[in-house]
Amino acid sequence: MPSLFRTIVRPVVTEKSSAAYQDRGEYTFEVHPDATKTTIKAAIESLFGVKVTGVWTSQQRGKARRVGGTAGLRPRWKKAIVTLKAGDTIEIFEG
């Protein structure tokens, strides 16, 4: 199982995820593939000092890619959508 600092890989900042945190207060992260909902919740609460009320996870499949004559596959990754307590925010998304 990954440590708390390796559980969260990076925030996912897209047009769709930006609309989600502005409208519903949901933040999207790429997380370690072996991370569970409880470890994701603990990592977010300790790293950012906020209270997590819900965690949704999904496995994203790898996309097929071709470079010249060589076909390959991008690696799969795990996405977590986190909802915070009313009034809590994460500043890295507000920039």
PDB file of N, CA and C in Angstrom:
ATOM      1  N   MET A   1       0.838  -1.173   0.000  1.00  0.00           N
ATOM      2  CA  MET A   1       0.000   0.000   0.000  1.00  0.00           C
ATOM      3  C   MET A   1       0.890   1.246   0.000  1.00  0.00           C
ATOM      4  N   PRO A   2       0.588   2.228  -0.829  1.00  0.00           N
ATOM      5  CA  PRO A   2       1.412   3.423  -0.899  1.00  0.00           C
ATOM      6  C   PRO A   2       1.265   4.287   0.345  1.00  0.00           C
ATOM      7  N   SER A   3       2.311   5.068   0.638  1.00  0.00           N
ATOM      8  CA  SER A   3       2.243   5.987   1.767  1.00  0.00           C
ATOM      9  C   SER A   3       1.285   7.130   1.442  1.00  0.00           C
ATOM     10  N   LEU A   4       0.968   7.941   2.440  1.00  0.00           N
ATOM     11  CA  LEU A   4       0.020   9.032   2.227  1.00  0.00           C
ATOM     12  C   LEU A   4       0.517  10.015   1.176  1.00  0.00           C
ATOM     13  N   PHE A   5       1.829  10.239   1.130  1.00  0.00           N
ATOM     14  CA  PHE A   5       2.367  11.201   0.179  1.00  0.00           C
ATOM     15  C   PHE A   5       2.467  10.647  -1.232  1.00  0.00           C
ATOM     16  N   ARG A   6       2.412   9.321  -1.383  1.00  0.00           N
ATOM     17  CA  ARG A   6       2.427   8.716  -2.716  1.00  0.00           C
ATOM     18  C   ARG A   6       1.034   8.308  -3.185  1.00  0.00           C
ATOM     19  N   THR A   7       0.046   8.453  -2.308  1.00  0.00           N
ATOM     20  CA  THR A   7      -1.320   8.099  -2.678  1.00  0.00           C
ATOM     21  C   THR A   7      -1.863   9.059  -3.719  1.00  0.00           C
ATOM     22  N   ILE A   8      -1.674  10.349  -3.514  1.00  0.00           N
ATOM     23  CA  ILE A   8      -2.147  11.372  -4.445  1.00  0.00           C
ATOM     24  C   ILE A   8      -1.035  11.633  -5.455  1.00  0.00           C
ATOM     25  N   VAL A   9      -1.290  11.336  -6.726  1.00  0.00           N
ATOM     26  CA  VAL A   9      -0.271  11.523  -7.764  1.00  0.00           C
ATOM     27  C   VAL A   9      -0.281  12.962  -8.260  1.00  0.00           C
ATOM     28  N   ARG A  10      -1.458  13.452  -8.655  1.00  0.00           N
ATOM     29  CA  ARG A  10      -1.560  14.819  -9.162  1.00  0.00           C
ATOM     30  C   ARG A  10      -3.018  15.223  -9.227  1.00  0.00           C
ATOM     31  N   PRO A  11      -3.295  16.514  -9.185  1.00  0.00           N
ATOM     32  CA  PRO A  11      -4.669  16.951  -9.419  1.00  0.00           C
ATOM     33  C   PRO A  11      -4.987  16.892 -10.906  1.00  0.00           C
ATOM     34  N   VAL A  12      -6.218  16.588 -11.232  1.00  0.00           N
ATOM     35  CA  VAL A  12      -6.664  16.562 -12.624  1.00  0.00           C
ATOM     36  C   VAL A  12      -7.437  17.855 -12.868  1.00  0.00           C
ATOM     37  N   VAL A  13      -6.839  18.751 -13.658  1.00  0.00           N
ATOM     38  CA  VAL A  13      -7.467  20.035 -13.935  1.00  0.00           C
ATOM     39  C   VAL A  13      -7.850  20.064 -15.408  1.00  0.00           C
ATOM     40  N   THR A  14      -9.141  19.854 -15.649  1.00  0.00           N
ATOM     41  CA  THR A  14      -9.690  19.907 -16.997  1.00  0.00           C
ATOM     42  C   THR A  14     -10.889  20.841 -16.969  1.00  0.00           C
ATOM     43  N   GLU A  15     -11.463  21.070 -18.118  1.00  0.00           N
ATOM     44  CA  GLU A  15     -12.646  21.929 -18.182  1.00  0.00           C
ATOM     45  C   GLU A  15     -13.805  21.322 -17.391  1.00  0.00           C
ATOM     46  N   LYS A  16     -13.967  20.023 -17.503  1.00  0.00           N
ATOM     47  CA  LYS A  16     -15.057  19.339 -16.803  1.00  0.00           C
ATOM     48  C   LYS A  16     -14.829  19.323 -15.291  1.00  0.00           C
ATOM     49  N   SER A  17     -13.585  19.059 -14.849  1.00  0.00           N
ATOM     50  CA  SER A  17     -13.321  19.032 -13.412  1.00  0.00           C
ATOM     51  C   SER A  17     -13.368  20.437 -12.812  1.00  0.00           C
ATOM     52  N   SER A  18     -13.008  21.452 -13.582  1.00  0.00           N
ATOM     53  CA  SER A  18     -13.103  22.828 -13.096  1.00  0.00           C
ATOM     54  C   SER A  18     -14.549  23.219 -12.860  1.00  0.00           C
ATOM     55  N   ALA A  19     -15.419  22.820 -13.753  1.00  0.00           N
ATOM     56  CA  ALA A  19     -16.844  23.105 -13.580  1.00  0.00           C
ATOM     57  C   ALA A  19     -17.395  22.349 -12.373  1.00  0.00           C
ATOM     58  N   ALA A  20     -16.891  21.143 -12.108  1.00  0.00           N
ATOM     59  CA  ALA A  20     -17.377  20.341 -10.987  1.00  0.00           C
ATOM     60  C   ALA A  20     -17.031  20.984  -9.650  1.00  0.00           C
ATOM     61  N   TYR A  21     -15.812  21.527  -9.507  1.00  0.00           N
ATOM     62  CA  TYR A  21     -15.495  22.115  -8.202  1.00  0.00           C
ATOM     63  C   TYR A  21     -16.094  23.496  -8.053  1.00  0.00           C
ATOM     64  N   GLN A  22     -16.389  24.186  -9.123  1.00  0.00           N
ATOM     65  CA  GLN A  22     -17.061  25.473  -9.000  1.00  0.00           C
ATOM     66  C   GLN A  22     -18.538  25.295  -8.676  1.00  0.00           C
ATOM     67  N   ASP A  23     -19.178  24.289  -9.256  1.00  0.00           N
ATOM     68  CA  ASP A  23     -20.608  24.082  -9.048  1.00  0.00           C
ATOM     69  C   ASP A  23     -20.909  23.263  -7.792  1.00  0.00           C
ATOM     70  N   ARG A  24     -20.185  22.137  -7.606  1.00  0.00           N
ATOM     71  CA  ARG A  24     -20.538  21.189  -6.549  1.00  0.00           C
ATOM     72  C   ARG A  24     -19.459  21.004  -5.491  1.00  0.00           C
ATOM     73  N   GLY A  25     -18.320  21.656  -5.626  1.00  0.00           N
ATOM     74  CA  GLY A  25     -17.246  21.494  -4.648  1.00  0.00           C
ATOM     75  C   GLY A  25     -16.554  20.155  -4.726  1.00  0.00           C
ATOM     76  N   GLU A  26     -16.503  19.551  -5.914  1.00  0.00           N
ATOM     77  CA  GLU A  26     -15.840  18.261  -6.112  1.00  0.00           C
ATOM     78  C   GLU A  26     -14.459  18.480  -6.730  1.00  0.00           C
ATOM     79  N   TYR A  27     -13.466  17.824  -6.170  1.00  0.00           N
ATOM     80  CA  TYR A  27     -12.088  17.938  -6.642  1.00  0.00           C
ATOM     81  C   TYR A  27     -11.660  16.590  -7.212  1.00  0.00           C
ATOM     82  N   THR A  28     -10.934  16.618  -8.326  1.00  0.00           N
ATOM     83  CA  THR A  28     -10.532  15.391  -9.017  1.00  0.00           C
ATOM     84  C   THR A  28      -9.023  15.213  -8.921  1.00  0.00           C
ATOM     85  N   PHE A  29      -8.593  14.004  -8.582  1.00  0.00           N
ATOM     86  CA  PHE A  29      -7.177  13.676  -8.437  1.00  0.00           C
ATOM     87  C   PHE A  29      -6.865  12.370  -9.158  1.00  0.00           C
ATOM     88  N   GLU A  30      -5.645  12.286  -9.678  1.00  0.00           N
ATOM     89  CA  GLU A  30      -5.113  10.987 -10.092  1.00  0.00           C
ATOM     90  C   GLU A  30      -4.464  10.390  -8.858  1.00  0.00           C
ATOM     91  N   VAL A  31      -4.804   9.136  -8.556  1.00  0.00           N
ATOM     92  CA  VAL A  31      -4.298   8.486  -7.352  1.00  0.00           C
ATOM     93  C   VAL A  31      -3.575   7.193  -7.719  1.00  0.00           C
ATOM     94  N   HIS A  32      -2.848   6.657  -6.759  1.00  0.00           N
ATOM     95  CA  HIS A  32      -2.131   5.392  -6.940  1.00  0.00           C
ATOM     96  C   HIS A  32      -3.142   4.288  -7.247  1.00  0.00           C
ATOM     97  N   PRO A  33      -2.847   3.397  -8.187  1.00  0.00           N
ATOM     98  CA  PRO A  33      -3.815   2.350  -8.559  1.00  0.00           C
ATOM     99  C   PRO A  33      -4.224   1.424  -7.413  1.00  0.00           C
ATOM    100  N   ASP A  34      -3.391   1.280  -6.386  1.00  0.00           N
ATOM    101  CA  ASP A  34      -3.714   0.401  -5.260  1.00  0.00           C
ATOM    102  C   ASP A  34      -4.378   1.143  -4.105  1.00  0.00           C
ATOM    103  N   ALA A  35      -4.615   2.430  -4.238  1.00  0.00           N
ATOM    104  CA  ALA A  35      -5.184   3.226  -3.147  1.00  0.00           C
ATOM    105  C   ALA A  35      -6.666   2.900  -2.956  1.00  0.00           C
ATOM    106  N   THR A  36      -7.083   2.855  -1.707  1.00  0.00           N
ATOM    107  CA  THR A  36      -8.488   2.634  -1.379  1.00  0.00           C
ATOM    108  C   THR A  36      -9.138   3.960  -1.020  1.00  0.00           C
ATOM    109  N   LYS A  37     -10.452   3.947  -0.885  1.00  0.00           N
ATOM    110  CA  LYS A  37     -11.168   5.183  -0.555  1.00  0.00           C
ATOM    111  C   LYS A  37     -10.750   5.727   0.804  1.00  0.00           C
ATOM    112  N   THR A  38     -10.500   4.850   1.776  1.00  0.00           N
ATOM    113  CA  THR A  38     -10.104   5.323   3.106  1.00  0.00           C
ATOM    114  C   THR A  38      -8.713   5.930   3.096  1.00  0.00           C
ATOM    115  N   THR A  39      -7.780   5.358   2.322  1.00  0.00           N
ATOM    116  CA  THR A  39      -6.438   5.947   2.257  1.00  0.00           C
ATOM    117  C   THR A  39      -6.453   7.251   1.466  1.00  0.00           C
ATOM    118  N   ILE A  40      -7.299   7.349   0.452  1.00  0.00           N
ATOM    119  CA  ILE A  40      -7.421   8.602  -0.299  1.00  0.00           C
ATOM    120  C   ILE A  40      -7.976   9.687   0.606  1.00  0.00           C
ATOM    121  N   LYS A  41      -9.006   9.359   1.386  1.00  0.00           N
ATOM    122  CA  LYS A  41      -9.591  10.323   2.318  1.00  0.00           C
ATOM    123  C   LYS A  41      -8.561  10.795   3.340  1.00  0.00           C
ATOM    124  N   ALA A  42      -7.799   9.867   3.912  1.00  0.00           N
ATOM    125  CA  ALA A  42      -6.785  10.221   4.906  1.00  0.00           C
ATOM    126  C   ALA A  42      -5.693  11.082   4.297  1.00  0.00           C
ATOM    127  N   ALA A  43      -5.287  10.780   3.067  1.00  0.00           N
ATOM    128  CA  ALA A  43      -4.228  11.546   2.410  1.00  0.00           C
ATOM    129  C   ALA A  43      -4.684  12.974   2.124  1.00  0.00           C
ATOM    130  N   ILE A  44      -5.903  13.155   1.617  1.00  0.00           N
ATOM    131  CA  ILE A  44      -6.411  14.495   1.316  1.00  0.00           C
ATOM    132  C   ILE A  44      -6.542  15.309   2.593  1.00  0.00           C
ATOM    133  N   GLU A  45      -7.075  14.697   3.651  1.00  0.00           N
ATOM    134  CA  GLU A  45      -7.256  15.419   4.904  1.00  0.00           C
ATOM    135  C   GLU A  45      -5.930  15.823   5.532  1.00  0.00           C
ATOM    136  N   SER A  46      -4.901  14.974   5.447  1.00  0.00           N
ATOM    137  CA  SER A  46      -3.614  15.319   6.060  1.00  0.00           C
ATOM    138  C   SER A  46      -2.799  16.274   5.194  1.00  0.00           C
ATOM    139  N   LEU A  47      -2.873  16.135   3.876  1.00  0.00           N
ATOM    140  CA  LEU A  47      -2.068  16.996   3.005  1.00  0.00           C
ATOM    141  C   LEU A  47      -2.627  18.409   2.901  1.00  0.00           C
ATOM    142  N   PHE A  48      -3.946  18.550   2.845  1.00  0.00           N
ATOM    143  CA  PHE A  48      -4.547  19.855   2.594  1.00  0.00           C
ATOM    144  C   PHE A  48      -5.274  20.434   3.796  1.00  0.00           C
ATOM    145  N   GLY A  49      -5.419  19.694   4.887  1.00  0.00           N
ATOM    146  CA  GLY A  49      -6.058  20.206   6.094  1.00  0.00           C
ATOM    147  C   GLY A  49      -7.539  20.506   5.921  1.00  0.00           C
ATOM    148  N   VAL A  50      -8.265  19.649   5.215  1.00  0.00           N
ATOM    149  CA  VAL A  50      -9.695  19.823   4.975  1.00  0.00           C
ATOM    150  C   VAL A  50     -10.438  18.588   5.467  1.00  0.00           C
ATOM    151  N   LYS A  51     -11.762  18.663   5.513  1.00  0.00           N
ATOM    152  CA  LYS A  51     -12.600  17.533   5.923  1.00  0.00           C
ATOM    153  C   LYS A  51     -13.287  16.960   4.693  1.00  0.00           C
ATOM    154  N   VAL A  52     -13.039  15.677   4.402  1.00  0.00           N
ATOM    155  CA  VAL A  52     -13.603  14.994   3.242  1.00  0.00           C
ATOM    156  C   VAL A  52     -14.924  14.341   3.640  1.00  0.00           C
ATOM    157  N   THR A  53     -15.974  14.568   2.821  1.00  0.00           N
ATOM    158  CA  THR A  53     -17.269  13.954   3.107  1.00  0.00           C
ATOM    159  C   THR A  53     -17.596  12.801   2.162  1.00  0.00           C
ATOM    160  N   GLY A  54     -16.940  12.723   0.992  1.00  0.00           N
ATOM    161  CA  GLY A  54     -17.218  11.635   0.066  1.00  0.00           C
ATOM    162  C   GLY A  54     -16.080  11.410  -0.907  1.00  0.00           C
ATOM    163  N   VAL A  55     -15.887  10.149  -1.298  1.00  0.00           N
ATOM    164  CA  VAL A  55     -14.848   9.790  -2.265  1.00  0.00           C
ATOM    165  C   VAL A  55     -15.448   8.816  -3.277  1.00  0.00           C
ATOM    166  N   TRP A  56     -15.325   9.118  -4.549  1.00  0.00           N
ATOM    167  CA  TRP A  56     -15.708   8.227  -5.640  1.00  0.00           C
ATOM    168  C   TRP A  56     -14.461   7.895  -6.419  1.00  0.00           C
ATOM    169  N   THR A  57     -14.279   6.623  -6.764  1.00  0.00           N
ATOM    170  CA  THR A  57     -13.108   6.206  -7.528  1.00  0.00           C
ATOM    171  C   THR A  57     -13.539   5.492  -8.793  1.00  0.00           C
ATOM    172  N   SER A  58     -12.667   5.554  -9.805  1.00  0.00           N
ATOM    173  CA  SER A  58     -12.911   4.815 -11.038  1.00  0.00           C
ATOM    174  C   SER A  58     -11.575   4.498 -11.693  1.00  0.00           C
ATOM    175  N   GLN A  59     -11.515   3.351 -12.343  1.00  0.00           N
ATOM    176  CA  GLN A  59     -10.336   2.948 -13.093  1.00  0.00           C
ATOM    177  C   GLN A  59     -10.480   3.471 -14.517  1.00  0.00           C
ATOM    178  N   GLN A  60      -9.475   4.193 -14.994  1.00  0.00           N
ATOM    179  CA  GLN A  60      -9.474   4.707 -16.352  1.00  0.00           C
ATOM    180  C   GLN A  60      -8.613   3.772 -17.202  1.00  0.00           C
ATOM    181  N   ARG A  61      -9.169   3.260 -18.274  1.00  0.00           N
ATOM    182  CA  ARG A  61      -8.427   2.303 -19.087  1.00  0.00           C
ATOM    183  C   ARG A  61      -7.373   3.037 -19.923  1.00  0.00           C
ATOM    184  N   GLY A  62      -6.323   2.319 -20.300  1.00  0.00           N
ATOM    185  CA  GLY A  62      -5.278   2.892 -21.137  1.00  0.00           C
ATOM    186  C   GLY A  62      -5.747   3.028 -22.571  1.00  0.00           C
ATOM    187  N   LYS A  63      -5.357   4.110 -23.205  1.00  0.00           N
ATOM    188  CA  LYS A  63      -5.765   4.341 -24.590  1.00  0.00           C
ATOM    189  C   LYS A  63      -4.747   3.742 -25.550  1.00  0.00           C
ATOM    190  N   ALA A  64      -5.232   3.234 -26.658  1.00  0.00           N
ATOM    191  CA  ALA A  64      -4.349   2.707 -27.691  1.00  0.00           C
ATOM    192  C   ALA A  64      -3.709   3.869 -28.439  1.00  0.00           C
ATOM    193  N   ARG A  65      -2.420   3.792 -28.642  1.00  0.00           N
ATOM    194  CA  ARG A  65      -1.678   4.842 -29.349  1.00  0.00           C
ATOM    195  C   ARG A  65      -0.773   4.203 -30.379  1.00  0.00           C
ATOM    196  N   ARG A  66      -0.539   4.933 -31.462  1.00  0.00           N
ATOM    197  CA  ARG A  66       0.329   4.452 -32.527  1.00  0.00           C
ATOM    198  C   ARG A  66       1.347   5.540 -32.839  1.00  0.00           C
ATOM    199  N   VAL A  67       2.612   5.147 -32.890  1.00  0.00           N
ATOM    200  CA  VAL A  67       3.697   6.049 -33.277  1.00  0.00           C
ATOM    201  C   VAL A  67       4.409   5.386 -34.443  1.00  0.00           C
ATOM    202  N   GLY A  68       4.199   5.929 -35.629  1.00  0.00           N
ATOM    203  CA  GLY A  68       4.764   5.314 -36.826  1.00  0.00           C
ATOM    204  C   GLY A  68       4.148   3.946 -37.038  1.00  0.00           C
ATOM    205  N   GLY A  69       4.993   2.930 -37.151  1.00  0.00           N
ATOM    206  CA  GLY A  69       4.487   1.580 -37.366  1.00  0.00           C
ATOM    207  C   GLY A  69       4.314   0.787 -36.090  1.00  0.00           C
ATOM    208  N   THR A  70       4.599   1.402 -34.937  1.00  0.00           N
ATOM    209  CA  THR A  70       4.546   0.700 -33.677  1.00  0.00           C
ATOM    210  C   THR A  70       3.259   1.049 -32.930  1.00  0.00           C
ATOM    211  N   ALA A  71       2.510   0.035 -32.558  1.00  0.00           N
ATOM    212  CA  ALA A  71       1.292   0.238 -31.787  1.00  0.00           C
ATOM    213  C   ALA A  71       1.593  -0.011 -30.319  1.00  0.00           C
ATOM    214  N   GLY A  72       0.955   0.752 -29.453  1.00  0.00           N
ATOM    215  CA  GLY A  72       1.173   0.594 -28.026  1.00  0.00           C
ATOM    216  C   GLY A  72      -0.074   0.933 -27.245  1.00  0.00           C
ATOM    217  N   LEU A  73       0.063   0.949 -25.934  1.00  0.00           N
ATOM    218  CA  LEU A  73      -1.049   1.220 -25.058  1.00  0.00           C
ATOM    219  C   LEU A  73      -0.567   2.107 -23.916  1.00  0.00           C
ATOM    220  N   ARG A  74      -1.265   3.215 -23.681  1.00  0.00           N
ATOM    221  CA  ARG A  74      -0.956   4.050 -22.527  1.00  0.00           C
ATOM    222  C   ARG A  74      -1.346   3.294 -21.262  1.00  0.00           C
ATOM    223  N   PRO A  75      -0.674   3.571 -20.146  1.00  0.00           N
ATOM    224  CA  PRO A  75      -1.009   2.822 -18.926  1.00  0.00           C
ATOM    225  C   PRO A  75      -2.371   3.231 -18.371  1.00  0.00           C
ATOM    226  N   ARG A  76      -3.014   2.288 -17.662  1.00  0.00           N
ATOM    227  CA  ARG A  76      -4.265   2.609 -16.994  1.00  0.00           C
ATOM    228  C   ARG A  76      -3.953   3.438 -15.754  1.00  0.00           C
ATOM    229  N   TRP A  77      -4.954   4.177 -15.259  1.00  0.00           N
ATOM    230  CA  TRP A  77      -4.758   4.986 -14.067  1.00  0.00           C
ATOM    231  C   TRP A  77      -6.059   5.070 -13.290  1.00  0.00           C
ATOM    232  N   LYS A  78      -5.964   5.489 -12.058  1.00  0.00           N
ATOM    233  CA  LYS A  78      -7.128   5.545 -11.186  1.00  0.00           C
ATOM    234  C   LYS A  78      -7.456   6.994 -10.875  1.00  0.00           C
ATOM    235  N   LYS A  79      -8.749   7.327 -10.966  1.00  0.00           N
ATOM    236  CA  LYS A  79      -9.214   8.684 -10.716  1.00  0.00           C
ATOM    237  C   LYS A  79     -10.073   8.684  -9.471  1.00  0.00           C
ATOM    238  N   ALA A  80      -9.907   9.724  -8.639  1.00  0.00           N
ATOM    239  CA  ALA A  80     -10.726   9.885  -7.443  1.00  0.00           C
ATOM    240  C   ALA A  80     -11.385  11.254  -7.476  1.00  0.00           C
ATOM    241  N   ILE A  81     -12.694  11.278  -7.240  1.00  0.00           N
ATOM    242  CA  ILE A  81     -13.440  12.526  -7.124  1.00  0.00           C
ATOM    243  C   ILE A  81     -13.800  12.683  -5.656  1.00  0.00           C
ATOM    244  N   VAL A  82     -13.360  13.799  -5.067  1.00  0.00           N
ATOM    245  CA  VAL A  82     -13.466  14.014  -3.629  1.00  0.00           C
ATOM    246  C   VAL A  82     -14.401  15.194  -3.364  1.00  0.00           C
ATOM    247  N   THR A  83     -15.338  15.018  -2.438  1.00  0.00           N
ATOM    248  CA  THR A  83     -16.223  16.094  -2.005  1.00  0.00           C
ATOM    249  C   THR A  83     -15.808  16.530  -0.610  1.00  0.00           C
ATOM    250  N   LEU A  84     -15.732  17.842  -0.406  1.00  0.00           N
ATOM    251  CA  LEU A  84     -15.314  18.396   0.872  1.00  0.00           C
ATOM    252  C   LEU A  84     -16.503  18.932   1.649  1.00  0.00           C
ATOM    253  N   LYS A  85     -16.274  19.138   2.956  1.00  0.00           N
ATOM    254  CA  LYS A  85     -17.278  19.737   3.811  1.00  0.00           C
ATOM    255  C   LYS A  85     -17.562  21.157   3.330  1.00  0.00           C
ATOM    256  N   ALA A  86     -18.767  21.620   3.506  1.00  0.00           N
ATOM    257  CA  ALA A  86     -19.148  22.965   3.063  1.00  0.00           C
ATOM    258  C   ALA A  86     -18.237  24.004   3.706  1.00  0.00           C
ATOM    259  N   GLY A  87     -17.692  24.878   2.888  1.00  0.00           N
ATOM    260  CA  GLY A  87     -16.793  25.917   3.373  1.00  0.00           C
ATOM    261  C   GLY A  87     -15.325  25.599   3.195  1.00  0.00           C
ATOM    262  N   ASP A  88     -14.968  24.327   3.044  1.00  0.00           N
ATOM    263  CA  ASP A  88     -13.561  23.942   2.835  1.00  0.00           C
ATOM    264  C   ASP A  88     -13.207  24.062   1.355  1.00  0.00           C
ATOM    265  N   THR A  89     -11.983  24.505   1.076  1.00  0.00           N
ATOM    266  CA  THR A  89     -11.486  24.575  -0.299  1.00  0.00           C
ATOM    267  C   THR A  89     -10.043  24.117  -0.332  1.00  0.00           C
ATOM    268  N   ILE A  90      -9.577  23.768  -1.503  1.00  0.00           N
ATOM    269  CA  ILE A  90      -8.170  23.433  -1.734  1.00  0.00           C
ATOM    270  C   ILE A  90      -7.612  24.520  -2.641  1.00  0.00           C
ATOM    271  N   GLU A  91      -6.583  25.206  -2.202  1.00  0.00           N
ATOM    272  CA  GLU A  91      -6.095  26.397  -2.887  1.00  0.00           C
ATOM    273  C   GLU A  91      -5.441  26.129  -4.230  1.00  0.00           C
ATOM    274  N   ILE A  92      -4.906  24.926  -4.474  1.00  0.00           N
ATOM    275  CA  ILE A  92      -4.225  24.682  -5.749  1.00  0.00           C
ATOM    276  C   ILE A  92      -5.196  24.721  -6.925  1.00  0.00           C
ATOM    277  N   PHE A  93      -6.489  24.532  -6.662  1.00  0.00           N
ATOM    278  CA  PHE A  93      -7.481  24.583  -7.722  1.00  0.00           C
ATOM    279  C   PHE A  93      -7.996  26.003  -7.965  1.00  0.00           C
ATOM    280  N   GLU A  94      -7.785  26.885  -7.028  1.00  0.00           N
ATOM    281  CA  GLU A  94      -8.344  28.227  -7.123  1.00  0.00           C
ATOM    282  C   GLU A  94      -7.475  29.157  -7.958  1.00  0.00           C
ATOM    283  N   GLY A  95      -6.248  28.759  -8.314  1.00  0.00           N
ATOM    284  CA  GLY A  95      -5.308  29.609  -9.025  1.00  0.00           C
ATOM    285  C   GLY A  95      -5.676  29.921 -10.380  1.00  0.00           C
TER     286      GLY A  95
END
